[in-house]
Amino acid sequence: GALPLRVVDHAERVRRFAEAHGAARDGVLVGYVTPVGENGARLVVVAPDRTWASLLVRQKDAELIARLAKVKLHDRTSPEVGRDLATGQRYWATMNQSW
């Protein structure tokens, strides 16, 4: 069946972010999903340059968006994901330019 346009749009947005931050066109990213409210979820994606971004999506769409955007989901408490996150002044400057 056809995919909802919102799912495709979110997946494309994640890929644009990833490629702007060093991901190869078919490169796999690291990420995780955190529930927000009753039906929402925050999809957090970490790019190869350690910059990260998050998207608020419908909880039922999160895994499909991740799969389409080639994001390997980890448990949100995984040290593997946290280890790769960049923070600080450089992070904020980069994020302001990427979205």
PDB file of N, CA and C in Angstrom:
ATOM      1  N   GLY A   1       0.813  -1.186   0.000  1.00  0.00           N
ATOM      2  CA  GLY A   1       0.000   0.000   0.000  1.00  0.00           C
ATOM      3  C   GLY A   1       0.856   1.250   0.000  1.00  0.00           C
ATOM      4  N   ALA A   2       0.202   2.348  -0.197  1.00  0.00           N
ATOM      5  CA  ALA A   2       0.862   3.646  -0.219  1.00  0.00           C
ATOM      6  C   ALA A   2       1.227   4.086   1.197  1.00  0.00           C
ATOM      7  N   LEU A   3       2.328   4.779   1.298  1.00  0.00           N
ATOM      8  CA  LEU A   3       2.766   5.320   2.588  1.00  0.00           C
ATOM      9  C   LEU A   3       2.154   6.694   2.798  1.00  0.00           C
ATOM     10  N   PRO A   4       1.808   7.024   4.041  1.00  0.00           N
ATOM     11  CA  PRO A   4       1.307   8.375   4.301  1.00  0.00           C
ATOM     12  C   PRO A   4       2.380   9.412   3.956  1.00  0.00           C
ATOM     13  N   LEU A   5       1.956  10.517   3.366  1.00  0.00           N
ATOM     14  CA  LEU A   5       2.867  11.578   2.958  1.00  0.00           C
ATOM     15  C   LEU A   5       3.682  12.106   4.136  1.00  0.00           C
ATOM     16  N   ARG A   6       3.069  12.184   5.328  1.00  0.00           N
ATOM     17  CA  ARG A   6       3.796  12.701   6.493  1.00  0.00           C
ATOM     18  C   ARG A   6       4.984  11.803   6.835  1.00  0.00           C
ATOM     19  N   VAL A   7       4.843  10.488   6.663  1.00  0.00           N
ATOM     20  CA  VAL A   7       5.930   9.542   6.944  1.00  0.00           C
ATOM     21  C   VAL A   7       7.073   9.754   5.951  1.00  0.00           C
ATOM     22  N   VAL A   8       6.740   9.857   4.686  1.00  0.00           N
ATOM     23  CA  VAL A   8       7.757  10.066   3.649  1.00  0.00           C
ATOM     24  C   VAL A   8       8.458  11.401   3.860  1.00  0.00           C
ATOM     25  N   ASP A   9       7.691  12.452   4.166  1.00  0.00           N
ATOM     26  CA  ASP A   9       8.284  13.769   4.412  1.00  0.00           C
ATOM     27  C   ASP A   9       9.271  13.744   5.577  1.00  0.00           C
ATOM     28  N   HIS A  10       8.883  13.103   6.673  1.00  0.00           N
ATOM     29  CA  HIS A  10       9.778  13.013   7.831  1.00  0.00           C
ATOM     30  C   HIS A  10      11.044  12.227   7.488  1.00  0.00           C
ATOM     31  N   ALA A  11      10.901  11.118   6.791  1.00  0.00           N
ATOM     32  CA  ALA A  11      12.063  10.303   6.423  1.00  0.00           C
ATOM     33  C   ALA A  11      13.010  11.092   5.514  1.00  0.00           C
ATOM     34  N   GLU A  12      12.462  11.833   4.568  1.00  0.00           N
ATOM     35  CA  GLU A  12      13.295  12.643   3.679  1.00  0.00           C
ATOM     36  C   GLU A  12      14.010  13.751   4.456  1.00  0.00           C
ATOM     37  N   ARG A  13      13.326  14.330   5.410  1.00  0.00           N
ATOM     38  CA  ARG A  13      13.943  15.385   6.230  1.00  0.00           C
ATOM     39  C   ARG A  13      15.122  14.831   7.030  1.00  0.00           C
ATOM     40  N   VAL A  14      14.949  13.641   7.595  1.00  0.00           N
ATOM     41  CA  VAL A  14      16.029  12.994   8.341  1.00  0.00           C
ATOM     42  C   VAL A  14      17.218  12.735   7.419  1.00  0.00           C
ATOM     43  N   ARG A  15      16.968  12.241   6.211  1.00  0.00           N
ATOM     44  CA  ARG A  15      18.065  11.958   5.279  1.00  0.00           C
ATOM     45  C   ARG A  15      18.792  13.233   4.859  1.00  0.00           C
ATOM     46  N   ARG A  16      18.054  14.315   4.625  1.00  0.00           N
ATOM     47  CA  ARG A  16      18.716  15.583   4.281  1.00  0.00           C
ATOM     48  C   ARG A  16      19.623  16.045   5.411  1.00  0.00           C
ATOM     49  N   PHE A  17      19.131  15.941   6.638  1.00  0.00           N
ATOM     50  CA  PHE A  17      19.943  16.298   7.801  1.00  0.00           C
ATOM     51  C   PHE A  17      21.193  15.422   7.840  1.00  0.00           C
ATOM     52  N   ALA A  18      21.006  14.113   7.701  1.00  0.00           N
ATOM     53  CA  ALA A  18      22.123  13.169   7.790  1.00  0.00           C
ATOM     54  C   ALA A  18      23.186  13.454   6.733  1.00  0.00           C
ATOM     55  N   GLU A  19      22.751  13.660   5.500  1.00  0.00           N
ATOM     56  CA  GLU A  19      23.703  13.902   4.421  1.00  0.00           C
ATOM     57  C   GLU A  19      24.395  15.254   4.573  1.00  0.00           C
ATOM     58  N   ALA A  20      23.709  16.223   5.167  1.00  0.00           N
ATOM     59  CA  ALA A  20      24.336  17.528   5.431  1.00  0.00           C
ATOM     60  C   ALA A  20      25.395  17.421   6.517  1.00  0.00           C
ATOM     61  N   HIS A  21      25.357  16.331   7.273  1.00  0.00           N
ATOM     62  CA  HIS A  21      26.296  16.141   8.377  1.00  0.00           C
ATOM     63  C   HIS A  21      27.173  14.902   8.189  1.00  0.00           C
ATOM     64  N   GLY A  22      27.482  14.596   6.940  1.00  0.00           N
ATOM     65  CA  GLY A  22      28.503  13.607   6.649  1.00  0.00           C
ATOM     66  C   GLY A  22      28.064  12.189   6.365  1.00  0.00           C
ATOM     67  N   ALA A  23      26.772  11.908   6.344  1.00  0.00           N
ATOM     68  CA  ALA A  23      26.328  10.540   6.066  1.00  0.00           C
ATOM     69  C   ALA A  23      26.400  10.277   4.567  1.00  0.00           C
ATOM     70  N   ALA A  24      26.856   9.080   4.220  1.00  0.00           N
ATOM     71  CA  ALA A  24      26.819   8.660   2.821  1.00  0.00           C
ATOM     72  C   ALA A  24      25.354   8.515   2.409  1.00  0.00           C
ATOM     73  N   ARG A  25      25.097   8.597   1.133  1.00  0.00           N
ATOM     74  CA  ARG A  25      23.707   8.528   0.636  1.00  0.00           C
ATOM     75  C   ARG A  25      22.951   7.327   1.194  1.00  0.00           C
ATOM     76  N   ASP A  26      23.586   6.175   1.277  1.00  0.00           N
ATOM     77  CA  ASP A  26      22.940   4.973   1.804  1.00  0.00           C
ATOM     78  C   ASP A  26      23.441   4.612   3.197  1.00  0.00           C
ATOM     79  N   GLY A  27      24.149   5.522   3.850  1.00  0.00           N
ATOM     80  CA  GLY A  27      24.719   5.251   5.164  1.00  0.00           C
ATOM     81  C   GLY A  27      23.654   5.096   6.243  1.00  0.00           C
ATOM     82  N   VAL A  28      23.917   4.208   7.171  1.00  0.00           N
ATOM     83  CA  VAL A  28      23.006   3.949   8.279  1.00  0.00           C
ATOM     84  C   VAL A  28      23.349   4.889   9.434  1.00  0.00           C
ATOM     85  N   LEU A  29      22.327   5.447  10.044  1.00  0.00           N
ATOM     86  CA  LEU A  29      22.475   6.346  11.182  1.00  0.00           C
ATOM     87  C   LEU A  29      22.104   5.621  12.462  1.00  0.00           C
ATOM     88  N   VAL A  30      22.426   6.226  13.573  1.00  0.00           N
ATOM     89  CA  VAL A  30      22.063   5.707  14.881  1.00  0.00           C
ATOM     90  C   VAL A  30      20.990   6.620  15.454  1.00  0.00           C
ATOM     91  N   GLY A  31      20.041   6.031  16.168  1.00  0.00           N
ATOM     92  CA  GLY A  31      19.008   6.845  16.774  1.00  0.00           C
ATOM     93  C   GLY A  31      18.223   6.091  17.822  1.00  0.00           C
ATOM     94  N   TYR A  32      17.254   6.774  18.394  1.00  0.00           N
ATOM     95  CA  TYR A  32      16.357   6.144  19.362  1.00  0.00           C
ATOM     96  C   TYR A  32      15.036   6.896  19.375  1.00  0.00           C
ATOM     97  N   VAL A  33      14.026   6.260  19.957  1.00  0.00           N
ATOM     98  CA  VAL A  33      12.690   6.831  20.050  1.00  0.00           C
ATOM     99  C   VAL A  33      12.310   6.940  21.516  1.00  0.00           C
ATOM    100  N   THR A  34      11.749   8.092  21.879  1.00  0.00           N
ATOM    101  CA  THR A  34      11.258   8.322  23.236  1.00  0.00           C
ATOM    102  C   THR A  34       9.786   8.700  23.154  1.00  0.00           C
ATOM    103  N   PRO A  35       8.927   8.026  23.913  1.00  0.00           N
ATOM    104  CA  PRO A  35       7.504   8.392  23.902  1.00  0.00           C
ATOM    105  C   PRO A  35       7.292   9.808  24.422  1.00  0.00           C
ATOM    106  N   VAL A  36       6.323  10.518  23.830  1.00  0.00           N
ATOM    107  CA  VAL A  36       5.941  11.862  24.253  1.00  0.00           C
ATOM    108  C   VAL A  36       4.413  11.902  24.291  1.00  0.00           C
ATOM    109  N   GLY A  37       3.863  12.052  25.466  1.00  0.00           N
ATOM    110  CA  GLY A  37       2.409  12.083  25.584  1.00  0.00           C
ATOM    111  C   GLY A  37       1.790  10.744  25.259  1.00  0.00           C
ATOM    112  N   GLU A  38       0.515  10.762  24.900  1.00  0.00           N
ATOM    113  CA  GLU A  38      -0.202   9.515  24.627  1.00  0.00           C
ATOM    114  C   GLU A  38       0.122   8.917  23.269  1.00  0.00           C
ATOM    115  N   ASN A  39       0.261   9.754  22.246  1.00  0.00           N
ATOM    116  CA  ASN A  39       0.422   9.236  20.887  1.00  0.00           C
ATOM    117  C   ASN A  39       1.669   9.722  20.171  1.00  0.00           C
ATOM    118  N   GLY A  40       2.481  10.520  20.839  1.00  0.00           N
ATOM    119  CA  GLY A  40       3.641  11.094  20.182  1.00  0.00           C
ATOM    120  C   GLY A  40       4.930  10.373  20.511  1.00  0.00           C
ATOM    121  N   ALA A  41       5.942  10.698  19.742  1.00  0.00           N
ATOM    122  CA  ALA A  41       7.271  10.144  19.972  1.00  0.00           C
ATOM    123  C   ALA A  41       8.297  11.146  19.463  1.00  0.00           C
ATOM    124  N   ARG A  42       9.444  11.161  20.121  1.00  0.00           N
ATOM    125  CA  ARG A  42      10.575  11.970  19.668  1.00  0.00           C
ATOM    126  C   ARG A  42      11.580  11.007  19.052  1.00  0.00           C
ATOM    127  N   LEU A  43      11.835  11.193  17.764  1.00  0.00           N
ATOM    128  CA  LEU A  43      12.830  10.404  17.052  1.00  0.00           C
ATOM    129  C   LEU A  43      14.127  11.201  17.064  1.00  0.00           C
ATOM    130  N   VAL A  44      15.135  10.683  17.735  1.00  0.00           N
ATOM    131  CA  VAL A  44      16.439  11.344  17.830  1.00  0.00           C
ATOM    132  C   VAL A  44      17.399  10.611  16.895  1.00  0.00           C
ATOM    133  N   VAL A  45      18.099  11.397  16.080  1.00  0.00           N
ATOM    134  CA  VAL A  45      19.015  10.845  15.079  1.00  0.00           C
ATOM    135  C   VAL A  45      20.392  11.460  15.289  1.00  0.00           C
ATOM    136  N   VAL A  46      21.431  10.621  15.249  1.00  0.00           N
ATOM    137  CA  VAL A  46      22.814  11.084  15.411  1.00  0.00           C
ATOM    138  C   VAL A  46      23.534  10.923  14.072  1.00  0.00           C
ATOM    139  N   ALA A  47      24.057  12.036  13.564  1.00  0.00           N
ATOM    140  CA  ALA A  47      24.780  12.031  12.290  1.00  0.00           C
ATOM    141  C   ALA A  47      26.235  11.611  12.512  1.00  0.00           C
ATOM    142  N   PRO A  48      26.933  11.260  11.433  1.00  0.00           N
ATOM    143  CA  PRO A  48      28.340  10.842  11.563  1.00  0.00           C
ATOM    144  C   PRO A  48      29.252  11.889  12.199  1.00  0.00           C
ATOM    145  N   ASP A  49      28.928  13.183  12.045  1.00  0.00           N
ATOM    146  CA  ASP A  49      29.770  14.206  12.654  1.00  0.00           C
ATOM    147  C   ASP A  49      29.388  14.468  14.119  1.00  0.00           C
ATOM    148  N   ARG A  50      28.557  13.606  14.692  1.00  0.00           N
ATOM    149  CA  ARG A  50      28.120  13.623  16.086  1.00  0.00           C
ATOM    150  C   ARG A  50      27.038  14.666  16.365  1.00  0.00           C
ATOM    151  N   THR A  51      26.615  15.403  15.339  1.00  0.00           N
ATOM    152  CA  THR A  51      25.509  16.330  15.496  1.00  0.00           C
ATOM    153  C   THR A  51      24.225  15.515  15.550  1.00  0.00           C
ATOM    154  N   TRP A  52      23.293  15.963  16.356  1.00  0.00           N
ATOM    155  CA  TRP A  52      22.041  15.218  16.456  1.00  0.00           C
ATOM    156  C   TRP A  52      20.853  16.148  16.253  1.00  0.00           C
ATOM    157  N   ALA A  53      19.738  15.540  15.904  1.00  0.00           N
ATOM    158  CA  ALA A  53      18.498  16.279  15.712  1.00  0.00           C
ATOM    159  C   ALA A  53      17.350  15.400  16.174  1.00  0.00           C
ATOM    160  N   SER A  54      16.238  16.030  16.476  1.00  0.00           N
ATOM    161  CA  SER A  54      15.067  15.251  16.866  1.00  0.00           C
ATOM    162  C   SER A  54      13.841  15.763  16.135  1.00  0.00           C
ATOM    163  N   LEU A  55      12.899  14.863  15.985  1.00  0.00           N
ATOM    164  CA  LEU A  55      11.654  15.143  15.288  1.00  0.00           C
ATOM    165  C   LEU A  55      10.516  14.617  16.147  1.00  0.00           C
ATOM    166  N   LEU A  56       9.467  15.403  16.306  1.00  0.00           N
ATOM    167  CA  LEU A  56       8.275  14.902  16.979  1.00  0.00           C
ATOM    168  C   LEU A  56       7.380  14.291  15.920  1.00  0.00           C
ATOM    169  N   VAL A  57       7.035  13.022  16.125  1.00  0.00           N
ATOM    170  CA  VAL A  57       6.238  12.278  15.151  1.00  0.00           C
ATOM    171  C   VAL A  57       5.154  11.489  15.888  1.00  0.00           C
ATOM    172  N   ARG A  58       4.258  10.916  15.130  1.00  0.00           N
ATOM    173  CA  ARG A  58       3.273  10.020  15.728  1.00  0.00           C
ATOM    174  C   ARG A  58       3.992   8.746  16.157  1.00  0.00           C
ATOM    175  N   GLN A  59       3.639   8.256  17.327  1.00  0.00           N
ATOM    176  CA  GLN A  59       4.301   7.065  17.845  1.00  0.00           C
ATOM    177  C   GLN A  59       4.178   5.892  16.872  1.00  0.00           C
ATOM    178  N   LYS A  60       3.019   5.754  16.247  1.00  0.00           N
ATOM    179  CA  LYS A  60       2.817   4.629  15.328  1.00  0.00           C
ATOM    180  C   LYS A  60       3.662   4.756  14.057  1.00  0.00           C
ATOM    181  N   ASP A  61       4.174   5.963  13.757  1.00  0.00           N
ATOM    182  CA  ASP A  61       4.979   6.183  12.553  1.00  0.00           C
ATOM    183  C   ASP A  61       6.484   6.104  12.796  1.00  0.00           C
ATOM    184  N   ALA A  62       6.906   6.160  14.034  1.00  0.00           N
ATOM    185  CA  ALA A  62       8.331   6.325  14.355  1.00  0.00           C
ATOM    186  C   ALA A  62       9.219   5.235  13.753  1.00  0.00           C
ATOM    187  N   GLU A  63       8.855   3.988  13.912  1.00  0.00           N
ATOM    188  CA  GLU A  63       9.709   2.908  13.398  1.00  0.00           C
ATOM    189  C   GLU A  63       9.761   2.893  11.878  1.00  0.00           C
ATOM    190  N   LEU A  64       8.644   3.193  11.241  1.00  0.00           N
ATOM    191  CA  LEU A  64       8.623   3.221   9.774  1.00  0.00           C
ATOM    192  C   LEU A  64       9.469   4.381   9.249  1.00  0.00           C
ATOM    193  N   ILE A  65       9.366   5.534   9.862  1.00  0.00           N
ATOM    194  CA  ILE A  65      10.193   6.679   9.468  1.00  0.00           C
ATOM    195  C   ILE A  65      11.670   6.318   9.618  1.00  0.00           C
ATOM    196  N   ALA A  66      12.011   5.709  10.745  1.00  0.00           N
ATOM    197  CA  ALA A  66      13.404   5.307  10.978  1.00  0.00           C
ATOM    198  C   ALA A  66      13.873   4.315   9.912  1.00  0.00           C
ATOM    199  N   ARG A  67      13.052   3.354   9.585  1.00  0.00           N
ATOM    200  CA  ARG A  67      13.440   2.355   8.588  1.00  0.00           C
ATOM    201  C   ARG A  67      13.651   3.015   7.216  1.00  0.00           C
ATOM    202  N   LEU A  68      12.724   3.887   6.823  1.00  0.00           N
ATOM    203  CA  LEU A  68      12.849   4.570   5.530  1.00  0.00           C
ATOM    204  C   LEU A  68      14.072   5.482   5.482  1.00  0.00           C
ATOM    205  N   ALA A  69      14.402   6.098   6.606  1.00  0.00           N
ATOM    206  CA  ALA A  69      15.542   7.023   6.667  1.00  0.00           C
ATOM    207  C   ALA A  69      16.852   6.311   6.980  1.00  0.00           C
ATOM    208  N   LYS A  70      16.807   4.993   7.115  1.00  0.00           N
ATOM    209  CA  LYS A  70      17.990   4.176   7.412  1.00  0.00           C
ATOM    210  C   LYS A  70      18.610   4.552   8.760  1.00  0.00           C
ATOM    211  N   VAL A  71      17.746   4.607   9.773  1.00  0.00           N
ATOM    212  CA  VAL A  71      18.174   4.879  11.145  1.00  0.00           C
ATOM    213  C   VAL A  71      18.052   3.585  11.932  1.00  0.00           C
ATOM    214  N   LYS A  72      19.177   3.107  12.451  1.00  0.00           N
ATOM    215  CA  LYS A  72      19.167   1.916  13.295  1.00  0.00           C
ATOM    216  C   LYS A  72      18.788   2.361  14.705  1.00  0.00           C
ATOM    217  N   LEU A  73      17.637   1.891  15.166  1.00  0.00           N
ATOM    218  CA  LEU A  73      17.145   2.311  16.473  1.00  0.00           C
ATOM    219  C   LEU A  73      17.768   1.490  17.590  1.00  0.00           C
ATOM    220  N   HIS A  74      18.178   2.190  18.637  1.00  0.00           N
ATOM    221  CA  HIS A  74      18.719   1.575  19.836  1.00  0.00           C
ATOM    222  C   HIS A  74      17.801   1.914  21.004  1.00  0.00           C
ATOM    223  N   ASP A  75      17.980   1.232  22.102  1.00  0.00           N
ATOM    224  CA  ASP A  75      17.271   1.587  23.320  1.00  0.00           C
ATOM    225  C   ASP A  75      17.707   2.990  23.720  1.00  0.00           C
ATOM    226  N   ARG A  76      16.769   3.800  24.185  1.00  0.00           N
ATOM    227  CA  ARG A  76      17.100   5.202  24.495  1.00  0.00           C
ATOM    228  C   ARG A  76      18.089   5.359  25.633  1.00  0.00           C
ATOM    229  N   THR A  77      18.309   4.318  26.421  1.00  0.00           N
ATOM    230  CA  THR A  77      19.290   4.391  27.502  1.00  0.00           C
ATOM    231  C   THR A  77      20.631   3.784  27.108  1.00  0.00           C
ATOM    232  N   SER A  78      20.758   3.399  25.856  1.00  0.00           N
ATOM    233  CA  SER A  78      21.973   2.757  25.380  1.00  0.00           C
ATOM    234  C   SER A  78      23.165   3.705  25.422  1.00  0.00           C
ATOM    235  N   PRO A  79      24.265   3.296  26.031  1.00  0.00           N
ATOM    236  CA  PRO A  79      25.464   4.139  26.016  1.00  0.00           C
ATOM    237  C   PRO A  79      26.022   4.298  24.605  1.00  0.00           C
ATOM    238  N   GLU A  80      25.696   3.376  23.723  1.00  0.00           N
ATOM    239  CA  GLU A  80      26.170   3.443  22.336  1.00  0.00           C
ATOM    240  C   GLU A  80      25.667   4.707  21.640  1.00  0.00           C
ATOM    241  N   VAL A  81      24.443   5.107  21.939  1.00  0.00           N
ATOM    242  CA  VAL A  81      23.885   6.319  21.332  1.00  0.00           C
ATOM    243  C   VAL A  81      24.426   7.556  22.031  1.00  0.00           C
ATOM    244  N   GLY A  82      24.381   7.586  23.332  1.00  0.00           N
ATOM    245  CA  GLY A  82      24.827   8.740  24.104  1.00  0.00           C
ATOM    246  C   GLY A  82      26.279   9.084  23.893  1.00  0.00           C
ATOM    247  N   ARG A  83      27.092   8.087  23.672  1.00  0.00           N
ATOM    248  CA  ARG A  83      28.529   8.293  23.465  1.00  0.00           C
ATOM    249  C   ARG A  83      28.800   9.119  22.217  1.00  0.00           C
ATOM    250  N   ASP A  84      27.931   9.011  21.231  1.00  0.00           N
ATOM    251  CA  ASP A  84      28.152   9.680  19.952  1.00  0.00           C
ATOM    252  C   ASP A  84      27.539  11.072  19.861  1.00  0.00           C
ATOM    253  N   LEU A  85      26.796  11.511  20.874  1.00  0.00           N
ATOM    254  CA  LEU A  85      26.154  12.821  20.831  1.00  0.00           C
ATOM    255  C   LEU A  85      27.147  13.936  21.111  1.00  0.00           C
ATOM    256  N   ALA A  86      27.132  14.962  20.280  1.00  0.00           N
ATOM    257  CA  ALA A  86      27.963  16.143  20.511  1.00  0.00           C
ATOM    258  C   ALA A  86      27.099  17.224  21.148  1.00  0.00           C
ATOM    259  N   THR A  87      27.657  17.930  22.089  1.00  0.00           N
ATOM    260  CA  THR A  87      26.952  19.055  22.701  1.00  0.00           C
ATOM    261  C   THR A  87      27.929  20.216  22.838  1.00  0.00           C
ATOM    262  N   GLY A  88      27.441  21.352  23.269  1.00  0.00           N
ATOM    263  CA  GLY A  88      28.297  22.514  23.453  1.00  0.00           C
ATOM    264  C   GLY A  88      28.064  23.558  22.381  1.00  0.00           C
ATOM    265  N   GLN A  89      28.880  24.599  22.385  1.00  0.00           N
ATOM    266  CA  GLN A  89      28.710  25.733  21.487  1.00  0.00           C
ATOM    267  C   GLN A  89      28.772  25.319  20.020  1.00  0.00           C
ATOM    268  N   ARG A  90      29.702  24.460  19.668  1.00  0.00           N
ATOM    269  CA  ARG A  90      29.824  24.004  18.280  1.00  0.00           C
ATOM    270  C   ARG A  90      28.548  23.295  17.844  1.00  0.00           C
ATOM    271  N   TYR A  91      27.991  22.483  18.734  1.00  0.00           N
ATOM    272  CA  TYR A  91      26.749  21.779  18.423  1.00  0.00           C
ATOM    273  C   TYR A  91      25.631  22.760  18.097  1.00  0.00           C
ATOM    274  N   TRP A  92      25.419  23.763  18.938  1.00  0.00           N
ATOM    275  CA  TRP A  92      24.320  24.706  18.729  1.00  0.00           C
ATOM    276  C   TRP A  92      24.511  25.501  17.441  1.00  0.00           C
ATOM    277  N   ALA A  93      25.719  25.889  17.140  1.00  0.00           N
ATOM    278  CA  ALA A  93      25.983  26.635  15.905  1.00  0.00           C
ATOM    279  C   ALA A  93      25.677  25.763  14.679  1.00  0.00           C
ATOM    280  N   THR A  94      26.091  24.524  14.724  1.00  0.00           N
ATOM    281  CA  THR A  94      25.848  23.605  13.612  1.00  0.00           C
ATOM    282  C   THR A  94      24.356  23.343  13.438  1.00  0.00           C
ATOM    283  N   MET A  95      23.659  23.138  14.538  1.00  0.00           N
ATOM    284  CA  MET A  95      22.226  22.864  14.466  1.00  0.00           C
ATOM    285  C   MET A  95      21.469  24.059  13.899  1.00  0.00           C
ATOM    286  N   ASN A  96      21.863  25.263  14.236  1.00  0.00           N
ATOM    287  CA  ASN A  96      21.199  26.450  13.711  1.00  0.00           C
ATOM    288  C   ASN A  96      21.313  26.531  12.201  1.00  0.00           C
ATOM    289  N   GLN A  97      22.378  25.991  11.647  1.00  0.00           N
ATOM    290  CA  GLN A  97      22.589  26.036  10.199  1.00  0.00           C
ATOM    291  C   GLN A  97      21.908  24.898   9.464  1.00  0.00           C
ATOM    292  N   SER A  98      21.614  23.791  10.136  1.00  0.00           N
ATOM    293  CA  SER A  98      21.171  22.598   9.431  1.00  0.00           C
ATOM    294  C   SER A  98      19.672  22.483   9.205  1.00  0.00           C
ATOM    295  N   TRP A  99      18.856  23.068  10.028  1.00  0.00           N
ATOM    296  CA  TRP A  99      17.401  22.926   9.858  1.00  0.00           C
ATOM    297  C   TRP A  99      16.898  24.141   9.206  1.00  0.00           C
TER     298      TRP A  99
END
